[in-house]
Amino acid sequence: EDPEAMEQADRVRWVRMLVQFIVDAGLPLVSLVPDGAESGAIWLRLFGNRRAKTLRNRARCWKKYAEWLNLVRGVSWPRNFADVSGYLEARCEDGCGHSLPGDLMAALSVLEDVWGGCRRSTSSRKMLA
C-alpha cells in the first residue's frame, strides 16, 4: 500500500480521537467547526502538519489522562494545575516513566495549539471555511 495514503489514514484516525477529547470537554472550539461532511477536513487543517506518529503519541497519552481525570475528578478537561499535578503524582506512585510529565505537556500543547491557532485568526469562521 502507498505509504502516503497510510500516513494520511493514520492522521485521520488520531485526529478523530483528539477531536473527541475536545468535544467531550465541551471546549468552545467545537461550536466553531460546523457539523457535516467538511468537518473532518477542517479538523485535519486545525491540527496542522503534525505526523501521524506525533498525533498517536499525544492521543495515547491524553487518553490515559482523560480517563483518570473523568474517574478521579469527574471532569473532562483540567480546571487548574492541581488536576495536572494530581495525575502526575498518582502515576509516579505507580512507577511511571521519567518522560510522562513532558509527554502530558506535549499532548496538552497540541490541544491548546489547535484552539490557539483558531483564536489567533482575526476571523475564526473565515479561517475554518
Protein backbone atom coordinates (compact mmCIF):
# COMPACT_ATOMS: atom_id res chain seq x y z
CA GLU A 1 0.00 0.00 0.00
CA ASP A 2 1.06 3.58 -0.65
CA PRO A 3 2.99 4.98 2.37
CA GLU A 4 1.49 8.45 1.93
CA ALA A 5 -2.03 7.04 1.90
CA MET A 6 -1.28 5.02 5.03
CA GLU A 7 0.14 8.10 6.77
CA GLN A 8 -2.96 10.12 5.86
CA ALA A 9 -5.29 7.37 7.07
CA ASP A 10 -3.40 7.24 10.37
CA ARG A 11 -3.53 11.04 10.68
CA VAL A 12 -7.30 10.92 10.22
CA ARG A 13 -7.61 8.20 12.87
CA TRP A 14 -5.61 10.06 15.51
CA VAL A 15 -7.14 13.45 14.73
CA ARG A 16 -10.59 11.89 15.27
CA MET A 17 -9.52 10.64 18.68
CA LEU A 18 -8.09 14.02 19.67
CA VAL A 19 -11.21 15.78 18.40
CA GLN A 20 -13.31 13.50 20.57
CA PHE A 21 -11.40 14.73 23.64
CA ILE A 22 -12.14 18.32 22.59
CA VAL A 23 -15.82 17.51 22.06
CA ASP A 24 -16.10 15.60 25.35
CA ALA A 25 -14.58 18.56 27.18
CA GLY A 26 -17.07 20.92 25.56
CA LEU A 27 -14.35 23.34 24.50
CA PRO A 28 -15.59 26.46 22.69
CA LEU A 29 -13.78 25.45 19.52
CA VAL A 30 -16.43 22.79 18.90
CA SER A 31 -19.05 25.45 18.17
CA LEU A 32 -16.81 27.00 15.50
CA VAL A 33 -16.46 23.83 13.45
CA PRO A 34 -19.64 23.14 11.50
CA ASP A 35 -21.16 19.68 11.50
CA GLY A 36 -21.25 17.85 8.24
CA ALA A 37 -19.04 16.29 5.63
CA GLU A 38 -16.49 19.10 5.63
CA SER A 39 -15.87 18.99 9.38
CA GLY A 40 -13.26 16.23 9.06
CA ALA A 41 -11.18 18.30 6.66
CA ILE A 42 -11.48 21.33 8.94
CA TRP A 43 -10.24 19.37 11.95
CA LEU A 44 -7.33 17.98 9.93
CA ARG A 45 -6.41 21.53 8.94
CA LEU A 46 -6.60 22.71 12.55
CA PHE A 47 -4.17 20.00 13.64
CA GLY A 48 -1.71 21.25 11.04
CA ASN A 49 1.08 19.20 9.53
CA ARG A 50 1.77 17.01 12.53
CA ARG A 51 2.74 13.50 11.57
CA ALA A 52 0.52 10.55 12.41
CA LYS A 53 3.06 9.19 14.91
CA THR A 54 3.12 12.51 16.78
CA LEU A 55 -0.68 12.64 16.88
CA ARG A 56 -0.77 9.00 18.01
CA ASN A 57 1.63 9.65 20.89
CA ARG A 58 -0.31 12.73 22.00
CA ALA A 59 -3.65 10.94 21.75
CA ARG A 60 -2.49 7.89 23.69
CA CYS A 61 -1.05 10.00 26.48
CA TRP A 62 -4.11 12.26 26.67
CA LYS A 63 -6.46 9.25 26.66
CA LYS A 64 -4.92 7.91 29.86
CA TYR A 65 -5.07 11.34 31.43
CA ALA A 66 -8.66 11.97 30.29
CA GLU A 67 -9.76 8.63 31.75
CA TRP A 68 -8.10 9.46 35.09
CA LEU A 69 -9.49 12.98 35.05
CA ASN A 70 -13.01 11.71 34.46
CA LEU A 71 -12.77 8.92 37.03
CA VAL A 72 -10.99 10.81 39.81
CA ARG A 73 -12.02 14.44 39.29
CA GLY A 74 -15.30 13.98 37.43
CA VAL A 75 -14.36 16.41 34.64
CA SER A 76 -13.28 16.11 31.02
CA TRP A 77 -10.76 18.93 30.92
CA PRO A 78 -8.25 20.11 33.54
CA ARG A 79 -9.61 23.04 35.54
CA ASN A 80 -6.37 24.01 37.22
CA PHE A 81 -2.82 22.93 37.92
CA ALA A 82 -3.99 20.57 40.67
CA ASP A 83 -5.77 18.47 38.06
CA VAL A 84 -2.48 18.00 36.22
CA SER A 85 -0.21 17.61 39.22
CA GLY A 86 -2.62 15.17 40.88
CA TYR A 87 -2.44 12.91 37.86
CA LEU A 88 1.34 13.10 37.69
CA GLU A 89 1.64 12.31 41.40
CA ALA A 90 -0.75 9.36 41.11
CA ARG A 91 1.13 7.96 38.12
CA CYS A 92 4.50 8.43 39.83
CA GLU A 93 3.24 6.44 42.80
CA ASP A 94 2.55 3.62 40.35
CA GLY A 95 6.04 3.90 38.89
CA CYS A 96 5.58 6.00 35.78
CA GLY A 97 8.37 6.65 33.32
CA HIS A 98 10.50 9.76 33.53
CA SER A 99 9.05 11.05 30.25
CA LEU A 100 5.43 11.22 31.46
CA PRO A 101 5.41 14.90 32.52
CA GLY A 102 6.85 16.00 29.19
CA ASP A 103 4.55 13.69 27.26
CA LEU A 104 1.48 15.03 29.06
CA MET A 105 2.54 18.64 28.49
CA ALA A 106 3.16 17.88 24.81
CA ALA A 107 -0.34 16.42 24.49
CA LEU A 108 -1.87 19.44 26.21
CA SER A 109 0.18 21.71 23.99
CA VAL A 110 -1.18 20.12 20.82
CA LEU A 111 -4.76 20.52 22.03
CA GLU A 112 -4.12 24.12 23.07
CA ASP A 113 -2.39 24.87 19.76
CA VAL A 114 -5.48 23.79 17.86
CA TRP A 115 -7.61 26.22 19.87
CA GLY A 116 -4.95 28.92 19.92
CA GLY A 117 -4.45 28.80 16.18
CA CYS A 118 -8.14 29.27 15.71
CA ARG A 119 -8.31 32.15 18.25
CA ARG A 120 -5.33 33.99 16.72
CA SER A 121 -7.18 34.31 13.46
CA THR A 122 -8.93 37.65 13.08
CA SER A 123 -11.99 35.77 11.92
CA SER A 124 -12.10 32.20 13.17
CA ARG A 125 -15.02 31.28 10.99
CA LYS A 126 -13.21 32.65 7.93
CA MET A 127 -10.13 30.56 8.76
CA LEU A 128 -12.23 27.42 9.09
CA ALA A 129 -14.04 27.94 5.78
